[in-house]
């Protein structure tokens, strides 16, 4: 190279400076890009964390909504706990008109026999008019009408002699009939008891009814006295039922809340339904001790109940024969089947379908097929199959520990799938609690447990509770034994 062609040192230095500047700018851009990338990554991480938090919050809200949507239609909660009645699925219309259908056998009331007819009124066309119209008498068409008397009761005034002996003491003659000693006769007292129990009428409403319909003014204190007298009259019948409970081959047992004098402490009304009688008891506890007090250690029969811990752990040695209510279980499974979590809902639907299949096959008399379906239910209760969720874990434990108790009805002829008998028996007590707001003390509690026992047992035998109350009052007045609630075979 010629010396003239050699680059000027100044130019080279300028180029080097430019290259260094360019390198610095490129490094700065790289640092900025890296910073932006780190910032973007941080924003993505924060967004992902927010998304996880939102998903967790959403899951928590779904669980809370599912719990709030739990009611008597999809759980073991009582109907009284429903804020609003659960929606009913409308049934498809049959296309038939309302009322009796063509070909349906007509049902009419049986006429009163002639001996019960007080008087007969004839409605005829005058003879002259009938002759002019050419009418010939054929027969009478009968129509019976029950008329309420304007004064439906009689008032008897009893006078008993009063004497004074030689010592100046007053001596009264005895009442010839002890039932005449009170203001109201036993039938009237029995009517008041029936209004109070069977019609859920409060003391004040009974007072208003007697005043308006019978023109009979009585105080609320006297009405309470009448109920207390009736309570003492039927006490032996209640004790008879209590003593028979331990010897029964099977019973259906349930309990519900009971209000007492507006106390914050809740009382409980227990019901035991046997084949021949129903027994009620009001106690301050819902615990196992009360259940054992009613059934006693001598009970060796079959107990139908729901899955309340009282009944689950009533036998510490595991020797009791128990049939838990399948209807309660189906409602609990229905809640799981409707749960927003996909795994929970899938498990709940599968088990619910199998349990319903067991019932269907049982009703068809296909015992072996029903037992196979039951075995399939218990397979789905395996810990490895049940979703690890609060909505399903308790159900899985329930199946694994006491699954056989739900399906005893498949092989035990005494067992029934549900506890429906006890639930039906206890329903009037719930209605009473809502209508009258409960009792005001021990006297009221004793009256109600005895009265419910009488009414429910009489209903089982097609007897009149009204007449039983009256017979018990008469027997008490004469010092005779109280009539028995039980048929001869049950005693």
Protein backbone atom coordinates (compact mmCIF):
# COMPACT_ATOMS: atom_id res chain seq x y z
CA UNK A 1 0.00 0.00 0.00
CA UNK A 2 1.16 3.39 -0.81
CA UNK A 3 1.68 5.90 1.94
CA UNK A 4 -0.92 8.19 0.31
CA UNK A 5 -3.54 5.41 0.59
CA UNK A 6 -3.07 4.91 4.39
CA UNK A 7 -6.15 6.14 6.32
CA UNK A 8 -5.71 9.24 8.28
CA UNK A 9 -5.26 8.47 11.98
CA UNK A 10 -7.91 11.04 12.89
CA UNK A 11 -10.47 9.38 10.63
CA UNK A 12 -9.76 6.00 12.21
CA UNK A 13 -10.18 7.39 15.66
CA UNK A 14 -13.49 8.93 14.63
CA UNK A 15 -14.70 5.63 13.25
CA UNK A 16 -13.65 3.80 16.42
CA UNK A 17 -15.49 6.40 18.49
CA UNK A 18 -18.59 5.95 16.36
CA UNK A 19 -18.41 2.19 16.71
CA UNK A 20 -17.99 2.47 20.50
CA UNK A 21 -20.99 4.82 20.64
CA UNK A 22 -23.00 2.38 18.57
CA UNK A 23 -21.99 -0.50 20.87
CA UNK A 24 -23.01 1.55 23.92
CA UNK A 25 -26.38 2.35 22.34
CA UNK A 26 -26.91 -1.31 21.45
CA UNK A 27 -26.02 -2.38 25.00
CA UNK A 28 -28.41 0.25 26.37
CA UNK A 29 -31.17 -1.03 24.12
CA UNK A 30 -30.47 -4.60 25.21
CA UNK A 31 -30.62 -3.55 28.88
CA UNK A 32 -33.90 -1.72 28.22
CA UNK A 33 -35.33 -4.74 26.39
CA UNK A 34 -34.24 -7.02 29.19
CA UNK A 35 -35.81 -4.68 31.75
CA UNK A 36 -39.04 -4.58 29.75
CA UNK A 37 -38.99 -8.37 29.49
CA UNK A 38 -38.49 -8.68 33.25
CA UNK A 39 -41.28 -6.16 33.84
CA UNK A 40 -43.56 -8.07 31.48
CA UNK A 41 -42.70 -11.32 33.23
CA UNK A 42 -43.45 -9.71 36.60
CA UNK A 43 -46.76 -8.40 35.28
CA UNK A 44 -47.59 -11.87 33.93
CA UNK A 45 -46.73 -13.44 37.28
CA UNK A 46 -48.88 -10.88 39.09
CA UNK A 47 -51.72 -11.46 36.65
CA UNK A 48 -51.42 -15.20 37.13
CA UNK A 49 -51.48 -14.73 40.91
CA UNK A 50 -54.58 -12.52 40.61
CA UNK A 51 -56.20 -15.14 38.38
CA UNK A 52 -55.42 -17.88 40.93
CA UNK A 53 -56.80 -15.68 43.72
CA UNK A 54 -59.92 -14.92 41.67
CA UNK A 55 -60.37 -18.62 40.89
CA UNK A 56 -59.98 -19.51 44.57
CA UNK A 57 -62.45 -16.78 45.52
CA UNK A 58 -64.86 -17.98 42.86
CA UNK A 59 -64.54 -21.54 44.16
CA UNK A 60 -65.15 -20.33 47.70
CA UNK A 61 -68.24 -18.42 46.56
CA UNK A 62 -69.53 -21.46 44.65
CA UNK A 63 -69.15 -23.59 47.78
CA UNK A 64 -70.92 -20.94 49.84
CA UNK A 65 -73.76 -20.65 47.30
CA UNK A 66 -74.11 -24.44 47.25
CA UNK A 67 -74.40 -24.47 51.05
CA UNK A 68 -76.95 -21.64 50.99
CA UNK A 69 -78.98 -23.53 48.38
CA UNK A 70 -79.20 -26.54 50.68
CA UNK A 71 -82.81 -26.97 51.82
CA UNK A 72 -85.26 -29.71 52.77
CA UNK A 73 -85.47 -30.96 49.18
CA UNK A 74 -81.77 -31.76 48.79
CA UNK A 75 -80.60 -32.42 52.36
CA UNK A 76 -81.71 -33.70 55.74
CA UNK A 77 -82.69 -30.21 56.89
CA UNK A 78 -86.29 -29.97 58.16
CA UNK A 79 -88.85 -28.04 56.05
CA UNK A 80 -89.17 -25.50 58.87
CA UNK A 81 -85.60 -24.34 58.14
CA UNK A 82 -86.42 -23.35 54.54
CA UNK A 83 -86.29 -19.60 53.97
CA UNK A 84 -88.56 -20.11 50.98
CA UNK A 85 -90.29 -23.28 49.79
CA UNK A 86 -88.05 -25.18 47.32
CA UNK A 87 -89.25 -24.85 43.73
CA UNK A 88 -91.39 -27.71 42.54
CA UNK A 89 -90.92 -29.31 39.17
CA UNK A 90 -94.21 -28.84 37.30
CA UNK A 91 -95.88 -32.09 36.37
CA UNK A 92 -96.89 -32.54 32.74
CA UNK A 93 -100.61 -31.97 32.19
CA UNK A 94 -102.62 -35.13 31.63
CA UNK A 95 -105.20 -33.45 29.42
CA UNK A 96 -108.03 -34.61 31.70
CA UNK A 97 -110.66 -32.26 33.06
CA UNK A 98 -110.77 -31.42 36.77
CA UNK A 99 -113.09 -33.60 38.86
CA UNK A 100 -114.48 -37.11 38.57
CA UNK A 101 -113.46 -39.00 35.45
CA UNK A 102 -115.80 -40.99 33.20
CA UNK A 103 -116.26 -44.51 34.54
CA UNK A 104 -115.16 -43.56 38.07
CA UNK A 105 -117.34 -45.13 40.75
CA UNK A 106 -119.48 -42.52 42.48
CA UNK A 107 -119.02 -42.20 46.24
CA UNK A 108 -121.83 -40.78 48.35
CA UNK A 109 -122.25 -40.31 52.08
CA UNK A 110 -124.00 -43.13 53.91
CA UNK A 111 -127.41 -41.86 55.18
CA UNK A 112 -128.07 -41.71 58.91
CA UNK A 113 -130.06 -44.73 60.17
CA UNK A 114 -133.76 -44.14 61.07
CA UNK A 115 -133.06 -44.34 64.84
CA UNK A 116 -130.81 -41.26 64.58
CA UNK A 117 -133.39 -39.15 62.72
CA UNK A 118 -134.90 -36.63 65.14
CA UNK A 119 -137.91 -35.63 63.04
CA UNK A 120 -139.28 -36.03 59.53
CA UNK A 121 -140.66 -33.13 57.48
CA UNK A 122 -142.93 -33.90 54.50
CA UNK A 123 -142.88 -31.73 51.38
CA UNK A 124 -145.91 -32.50 49.19
CA UNK A 125 -148.09 -30.90 46.51
CA UNK A 126 -151.61 -30.20 47.80
CA UNK A 127 -154.09 -32.92 46.78
CA UNK A 128 -156.34 -30.54 44.81
CA UNK A 129 -153.41 -29.21 42.78
CA UNK A 130 -152.11 -32.72 42.17
CA UNK A 131 -155.56 -33.84 40.97
CA UNK A 132 -155.91 -30.88 38.61
CA UNK A 133 -152.46 -31.53 37.17
CA UNK A 134 -153.11 -35.26 36.85
CA UNK A 135 -150.27 -36.23 39.16
CA UNK A 136 -149.98 -39.64 40.78
CA UNK A 137 -147.85 -40.13 43.93
CA UNK A 138 -144.93 -42.52 43.42
CA UNK A 139 -142.62 -42.25 46.46
CA UNK A 140 -140.69 -39.83 48.68
CA UNK A 141 -137.22 -38.63 47.78
CA UNK A 142 -135.17 -38.37 50.97
CA UNK A 143 -132.76 -35.59 51.89
CA UNK A 144 -131.11 -35.44 55.31
CA UNK A 145 -129.89 -32.22 56.91
CA UNK A 146 -127.98 -31.82 60.16
CA UNK A 147 -129.04 -28.73 62.08
CA UNK A 148 -127.09 -27.18 64.92
CA UNK A 149 -129.25 -26.32 67.90
CA UNK A 150 -129.40 -22.70 68.89
CA UNK A 151 -128.45 -23.75 72.42
CA UNK A 152 -126.56 -27.04 71.92
CA UNK A 153 -126.14 -27.80 75.61
CA UNK A 154 -128.33 -28.19 78.69
CA UNK A 155 -127.64 -26.56 82.02
CA UNK A 156 -128.31 -28.63 85.12
CA UNK A 157 -128.29 -26.99 88.54
CA UNK A 158 -127.36 -29.45 91.30
CA UNK A 159 -128.25 -28.70 94.91
CA UNK A 160 -126.57 -30.61 97.68
CA UNK A 161 -127.58 -30.29 101.30
CA UNK A 162 -125.37 -28.52 103.82
CA UNK A 163 -125.56 -29.59 107.52
CA UNK A 164 -124.00 -28.58 110.75
CA UNK A 165 -123.14 -31.17 113.37
CA UNK A 166 -123.26 -30.83 117.14
CA UNK A 167 -119.69 -29.52 117.21
CA UNK A 168 -120.58 -26.71 114.83
CA UNK A 169 -118.73 -28.27 111.86
CA UNK A 170 -120.19 -27.96 108.37
CA UNK A 171 -121.06 -31.23 106.66
CA UNK A 172 -121.90 -31.53 102.91
CA UNK A 173 -123.87 -34.26 101.26
CA UNK A 174 -121.94 -36.18 98.60
CA UNK A 175 -122.57 -35.58 94.93
CA UNK A 176 -124.56 -38.55 93.65
CA UNK A 177 -122.42 -38.57 90.52
CA UNK A 178 -118.86 -37.21 90.92
CA UNK A 179 -118.79 -36.10 87.25
CA UNK A 180 -121.36 -33.42 88.18
CA UNK A 181 -118.98 -31.64 90.52
CA UNK A 182 -117.40 -29.36 87.89
CA UNK A 183 -118.74 -26.66 85.59
CA UNK A 184 -118.39 -28.77 82.44
CA UNK A 185 -119.28 -32.43 81.95
CA UNK A 186 -116.67 -34.95 80.71
CA UNK A 187 -117.95 -34.74 77.10
CA UNK A 188 -117.55 -30.96 77.12
CA UNK A 189 -114.05 -31.27 78.60
CA UNK A 190 -113.18 -33.89 75.98
CA UNK A 191 -114.34 -31.49 73.26
CA UNK A 192 -112.04 -28.76 74.61
CA UNK A 193 -109.13 -31.23 74.70
CA UNK A 194 -109.85 -32.31 71.12
CA UNK A 195 -110.02 -28.71 69.91
CA UNK A 196 -106.69 -28.04 71.57
CA UNK A 197 -104.90 -31.16 70.26
CA UNK A 198 -106.46 -32.22 66.98
CA UNK A 199 -107.46 -28.72 65.78
CA UNK A 200 -104.34 -26.92 67.14
CA UNK A 201 -106.57 -24.29 68.75
CA UNK A 202 -104.91 -22.10 71.36
CA UNK A 203 -106.48 -21.49 74.77
CA UNK A 204 -107.55 -18.01 73.68
CA UNK A 205 -109.10 -19.30 70.45
CA UNK A 206 -111.05 -21.96 72.36
CA UNK A 207 -112.31 -19.26 74.71
CA UNK A 208 -113.46 -17.15 71.74
CA UNK A 209 -115.12 -20.15 70.08
CA UNK A 210 -117.09 -21.12 73.21
CA UNK A 211 -118.21 -17.54 73.66
CA UNK A 212 -119.26 -17.00 70.03
CA UNK A 213 -120.73 -20.41 69.13
CA UNK A 214 -122.11 -21.56 72.51
CA UNK A 215 -122.62 -18.25 74.35
CA UNK A 216 -120.56 -19.82 77.13
CA UNK A 217 -118.12 -17.41 78.79
CA UNK A 218 -115.21 -19.22 80.48
CA UNK A 219 -111.84 -17.93 81.61
CA UNK A 220 -108.54 -19.04 80.10
CA UNK A 221 -107.51 -20.19 83.58
CA UNK A 222 -110.45 -22.58 83.73
CA UNK A 223 -109.64 -23.94 80.26
CA UNK A 224 -106.07 -24.62 81.42
CA UNK A 225 -107.53 -26.39 84.44
CA UNK A 226 -109.70 -28.56 82.15
CA UNK A 227 -106.65 -29.58 80.11
CA UNK A 228 -104.69 -30.33 83.29
CA UNK A 229 -107.56 -32.56 84.50
CA UNK A 230 -107.66 -34.35 81.16
CA UNK A 231 -103.88 -34.77 81.31
CA UNK A 232 -104.09 -36.49 84.70
CA UNK A 233 -106.92 -38.67 83.41
CA UNK A 234 -104.92 -40.05 80.46
CA UNK A 235 -101.60 -40.29 82.34
CA UNK A 236 -101.98 -44.06 82.96
CA UNK A 237 -102.53 -44.64 79.23
CA UNK A 238 -99.34 -42.66 78.45
CA UNK A 239 -97.39 -44.64 81.05
CA UNK A 240 -98.70 -47.87 79.55
CA UNK A 241 -97.31 -46.86 76.14
CA UNK A 242 -93.99 -45.82 77.72
CA UNK A 243 -93.60 -49.18 79.43
CA UNK A 244 -94.33 -51.07 76.20
CA UNK A 245 -91.66 -49.33 74.11
CA UNK A 246 -88.70 -51.54 75.14
CA UNK A 247 -90.55 -54.76 74.26
CA UNK A 248 -91.39 -53.82 70.66
CA UNK A 249 -89.96 -55.78 67.73
CA UNK A 250 -89.44 -52.58 65.75
CA UNK A 251 -89.91 -48.84 66.30
CA UNK A 252 -89.57 -45.67 64.23
CA UNK A 253 -88.00 -42.76 66.12
CA UNK A 254 -87.67 -39.05 65.40
CA UNK A 255 -87.53 -35.73 67.25
CA UNK A 256 -88.33 -32.08 66.61
CA UNK A 257 -87.89 -28.79 68.42
CA UNK A 258 -90.37 -27.65 71.06
CA UNK A 259 -90.92 -24.11 72.34
CA UNK A 260 -91.38 -23.61 76.06
CA UNK A 261 -92.31 -20.25 77.58
CA UNK A 262 -90.16 -18.34 75.10
CA UNK A 263 -86.95 -19.65 76.68
CA UNK A 264 -83.75 -19.36 74.71
CA UNK A 265 -83.07 -22.98 75.58
CA UNK A 266 -84.73 -25.27 73.06
CA UNK A 267 -86.70 -28.30 74.22
CA UNK A 268 -87.31 -31.40 72.14
CA UNK A 269 -90.34 -33.51 71.37
CA UNK A 270 -89.46 -37.19 70.83
CA UNK A 271 -91.75 -39.58 68.94
CA UNK A 272 -91.62 -43.38 68.94
CA UNK A 273 -93.94 -45.16 66.52
CA UNK A 274 -94.58 -48.86 67.07
CA UNK A 275 -96.92 -51.10 65.10
CA UNK A 276 -99.74 -50.75 67.64
CA UNK A 277 -99.16 -47.38 69.33
CA UNK A 278 -97.31 -44.06 69.18
CA UNK A 279 -95.49 -42.58 72.16
CA UNK A 280 -94.40 -38.96 72.70
CA UNK A 281 -92.08 -37.43 75.30
CA UNK A 282 -90.90 -33.82 75.73
CA UNK A 283 -87.40 -33.46 77.11
CA UNK A 284 -84.80 -30.71 77.51
CA UNK A 285 -82.16 -32.57 75.49
CA UNK A 286 -81.68 -34.07 72.06
CA UNK A 287 -78.87 -36.30 73.28
CA UNK A 288 -78.20 -40.01 73.37
CA UNK A 289 -79.12 -40.17 77.06
CA UNK A 290 -82.76 -39.27 76.30
CA UNK A 291 -82.98 -41.84 73.49
CA UNK A 292 -81.68 -44.52 75.85
CA UNK A 293 -84.09 -43.35 78.57
CA UNK A 294 -87.03 -43.90 76.19
CA UNK A 295 -85.86 -47.14 74.58
CA UNK A 296 -84.00 -48.40 77.68
CA UNK A 297 -81.19 -50.96 77.65
CA UNK A 298 -83.80 -53.71 77.42
CA UNK A 299 -84.72 -52.76 73.83
CA UNK A 300 -83.71 -55.56 71.45
CA UNK A 301 -85.87 -54.65 68.47
CA UNK A 302 -85.16 -52.88 65.19
CA UNK A 303 -84.70 -49.10 65.34
CA UNK A 304 -85.60 -46.94 62.32
CA UNK A 305 -84.07 -43.47 62.42
CA UNK A 306 -82.29 -40.77 60.44
CA UNK A 307 -78.50 -40.34 60.56
CA UNK A 308 -78.46 -38.07 63.61
CA UNK A 309 -75.36 -38.83 65.73
CA UNK A 310 -77.70 -39.75 68.59
CA UNK A 311 -78.84 -42.83 66.68
CA UNK A 312 -75.55 -43.50 64.90
CA UNK A 313 -73.69 -43.90 68.20
CA UNK A 314 -76.57 -45.14 70.35
CA UNK A 315 -74.96 -48.58 70.58
CA UNK A 316 -71.34 -48.29 71.63
CA UNK A 317 -70.80 -52.03 71.19
CA UNK A 318 -72.38 -52.07 67.71
CA UNK A 319 -74.97 -54.73 68.56
CA UNK A 320 -78.18 -52.76 67.92
CA UNK A 321 -80.29 -53.47 64.85
CA UNK A 322 -80.66 -50.15 63.02
CA UNK A 323 -82.18 -49.08 59.70
CA UNK A 324 -81.21 -45.54 58.72
CA UNK A 325 -83.62 -43.57 56.56
CA UNK A 326 -82.83 -43.91 52.86
CA UNK A 327 -84.95 -40.85 51.98
CA UNK A 328 -82.62 -38.61 54.02
CA UNK A 329 -79.62 -40.13 52.26
CA UNK A 330 -81.14 -39.54 48.82
CA UNK A 331 -81.66 -35.85 49.64
CA UNK A 332 -78.03 -35.52 50.77
CA UNK A 333 -76.85 -37.21 47.57
CA UNK A 334 -79.07 -34.90 45.54
CA UNK A 335 -77.23 -31.91 46.99
CA UNK A 336 -73.90 -33.47 46.00
CA UNK A 337 -75.24 -34.21 42.50
CA UNK A 338 -76.17 -30.52 42.08
CA UNK A 339 -72.83 -29.23 43.40
CA UNK A 340 -70.95 -26.80 41.09
CA UNK A 341 -67.72 -28.82 41.36
CA UNK A 342 -67.63 -31.21 38.39
CA UNK A 343 -65.99 -34.13 40.23
CA UNK A 344 -68.38 -33.84 43.18
CA UNK A 345 -71.43 -33.62 40.93
CA UNK A 346 -70.31 -36.61 38.83
CA UNK A 347 -69.81 -38.76 41.96
CA UNK A 348 -73.09 -37.62 43.49
CA UNK A 349 -75.09 -38.37 40.33
CA UNK A 350 -73.58 -41.82 39.99
CA UNK A 351 -74.23 -42.86 43.60
CA UNK A 352 -77.70 -41.26 43.58
CA UNK A 353 -78.63 -43.22 40.47
CA UNK A 354 -77.43 -46.48 42.05
CA UNK A 355 -79.33 -45.87 45.33
CA UNK A 356 -82.51 -45.16 43.41
CA UNK A 357 -81.90 -48.32 41.42
CA UNK A 358 -81.68 -50.31 44.67
CA UNK A 359 -85.09 -48.98 45.72
CA UNK A 360 -86.60 -49.64 42.29
CA UNK A 361 -85.38 -53.24 42.22
CA UNK A 362 -86.52 -53.78 45.82
CA UNK A 363 -90.05 -52.60 45.00
CA UNK A 364 -90.08 -55.03 42.07
CA UNK A 365 -89.10 -57.89 44.38
CA UNK A 366 -85.76 -58.49 42.61
CA UNK A 367 -83.68 -59.01 45.72
CA UNK A 368 -80.48 -60.34 44.12
CA UNK A 369 -80.36 -57.50 41.59
CA UNK A 370 -81.01 -55.00 44.39
CA UNK A 371 -78.14 -56.46 46.43
CA UNK A 372 -75.81 -56.17 43.41
CA UNK A 373 -76.79 -52.51 43.04
CA UNK A 374 -76.13 -52.02 46.77
CA UNK A 375 -72.65 -53.55 46.39
CA UNK A 376 -72.00 -51.12 43.53
CA UNK A 377 -72.97 -48.23 45.82
CA UNK A 378 -70.50 -49.39 48.48
CA UNK A 379 -67.75 -49.69 45.83
CA UNK A 380 -68.29 -46.03 44.97
CA UNK A 381 -67.84 -45.23 48.65
CA UNK A 382 -64.23 -46.43 48.60
CA UNK A 383 -61.84 -43.75 49.83
CA UNK A 384 -59.88 -43.84 46.57
CA UNK A 385 -63.05 -43.11 44.56
CA UNK A 386 -64.76 -40.44 46.69
CA UNK A 387 -63.64 -36.90 45.70
CA UNK A 388 -61.56 -35.23 48.39
CA UNK A 389 -64.11 -32.49 48.96
CA UNK A 390 -66.09 -31.35 52.01
CA UNK A 391 -69.34 -32.10 50.17
CA UNK A 392 -68.48 -35.77 49.60
CA UNK A 393 -66.02 -36.81 52.32
CA UNK A 394 -68.74 -37.14 55.03
CA UNK A 395 -70.93 -39.18 52.66
CA UNK A 396 -68.04 -41.50 51.89
CA UNK A 397 -67.32 -42.02 55.59
CA UNK A 398 -71.02 -42.62 56.22
CA UNK A 399 -71.14 -45.36 53.58
CA UNK A 400 -67.92 -47.02 54.69
CA UNK A 401 -68.81 -47.08 58.40
CA UNK A 402 -72.59 -47.62 58.32
CA UNK A 403 -73.46 -48.48 54.72
CA UNK A 404 -75.12 -51.76 55.68
CA UNK A 405 -77.50 -49.91 58.01
CA UNK A 406 -79.02 -48.13 55.02
CA UNK A 407 -79.76 -51.38 53.18
CA UNK A 408 -80.96 -53.64 55.99
CA UNK A 409 -84.43 -53.64 54.43
CA UNK A 410 -83.10 -55.81 51.58
CA UNK A 411 -82.89 -58.87 53.82
CA UNK A 412 -84.70 -58.04 57.07
CA UNK A 413 -88.51 -58.43 56.65
CA UNK A 414 -89.13 -56.09 59.61
CA UNK A 415 -87.10 -53.22 58.13
CA UNK A 416 -88.52 -50.45 55.93
CA UNK A 417 -86.34 -48.24 53.69
CA UNK A 418 -87.41 -44.96 55.28
CA UNK A 419 -88.35 -43.46 58.64
CA UNK A 420 -91.55 -42.07 57.18
CA UNK A 421 -93.83 -43.39 59.94
CA UNK A 422 -92.09 -41.33 62.60
CA UNK A 423 -91.94 -38.25 60.38
CA UNK A 424 -95.68 -38.43 59.70
CA UNK A 425 -96.42 -38.90 63.39
CA UNK A 426 -94.33 -35.91 64.45
CA UNK A 427 -95.73 -33.52 61.82
CA UNK A 428 -98.80 -32.49 63.93
CA UNK A 429 -96.48 -31.41 66.74
CA UNK A 430 -94.69 -29.08 64.33
CA UNK A 431 -98.01 -27.59 63.22
CA UNK A 432 -99.00 -27.12 66.85
CA UNK A 433 -95.69 -25.40 67.61
CA UNK A 434 -96.33 -22.90 64.83
CA UNK A 435 -99.98 -22.30 65.79
CA UNK A 436 -99.74 -22.06 69.58
CA UNK A 437 -96.07 -21.16 70.16
CA UNK A 438 -95.53 -24.12 72.47
CA UNK A 439 -96.07 -24.57 76.21
CA UNK A 440 -95.58 -22.49 79.36
CA UNK A 441 -94.11 -25.03 81.75
CA UNK A 442 -94.07 -28.59 83.03
CA UNK A 443 -97.89 -28.91 83.21
CA UNK A 444 -98.25 -27.98 79.56
CA UNK A 445 -95.42 -30.28 78.50
CA UNK A 446 -96.95 -33.25 80.30
CA UNK A 447 -100.35 -32.50 78.73
CA UNK A 448 -98.97 -32.34 75.22
CA UNK A 449 -96.88 -35.50 75.36
CA UNK A 450 -99.85 -37.40 76.76
CA UNK A 451 -102.42 -35.84 74.42
CA UNK A 452 -100.30 -36.51 71.31
CA UNK A 453 -99.82 -40.10 72.45
CA UNK A 454 -103.60 -40.54 72.77
CA UNK A 455 -104.50 -38.89 69.46
CA UNK A 456 -101.82 -40.64 67.39
CA UNK A 457 -102.52 -44.07 68.89
CA UNK A 458 -106.29 -43.71 68.47
CA UNK A 459 -105.69 -42.76 64.84
CA UNK A 460 -103.67 -45.96 64.34
CA UNK A 461 -106.67 -48.03 65.47
CA UNK A 462 -109.44 -45.95 63.91
CA UNK A 463 -110.70 -44.97 67.36
CA UNK A 464 -112.10 -41.64 68.49
CA UNK A 465 -109.66 -39.64 70.61
CA UNK A 466 -112.60 -37.46 71.68
CA UNK A 467 -114.42 -40.42 73.22
CA UNK A 468 -111.20 -41.73 74.78
CA UNK A 469 -110.67 -38.39 76.53
CA UNK A 470 -114.29 -38.50 77.77
CA UNK A 471 -114.01 -42.12 78.99
CA UNK A 472 -110.74 -41.35 80.78
CA UNK A 473 -112.29 -38.32 82.52
CA UNK A 474 -115.29 -40.36 83.67
CA UNK A 475 -113.04 -43.19 84.91
CA UNK A 476 -110.88 -40.70 86.83
CA UNK A 477 -113.93 -39.10 88.46
CA UNK A 478 -115.28 -42.48 89.59
CA UNK A 479 -111.88 -43.75 90.74
CA UNK A 480 -111.78 -46.47 88.10
CA UNK A 481 -108.82 -47.57 85.99
CA UNK A 482 -108.10 -45.54 82.87
CA UNK A 483 -109.14 -47.30 79.65
CA UNK A 484 -106.29 -48.85 77.67
CA UNK A 485 -105.06 -47.39 74.43
CA UNK A 486 -103.73 -50.75 73.29
CA UNK A 487 -105.51 -53.58 71.53
CA UNK A 488 -105.46 -56.78 73.53
CA UNK A 489 -102.71 -58.31 71.36
CA UNK A 490 -100.27 -55.47 72.14
CA UNK A 491 -100.47 -55.70 75.93
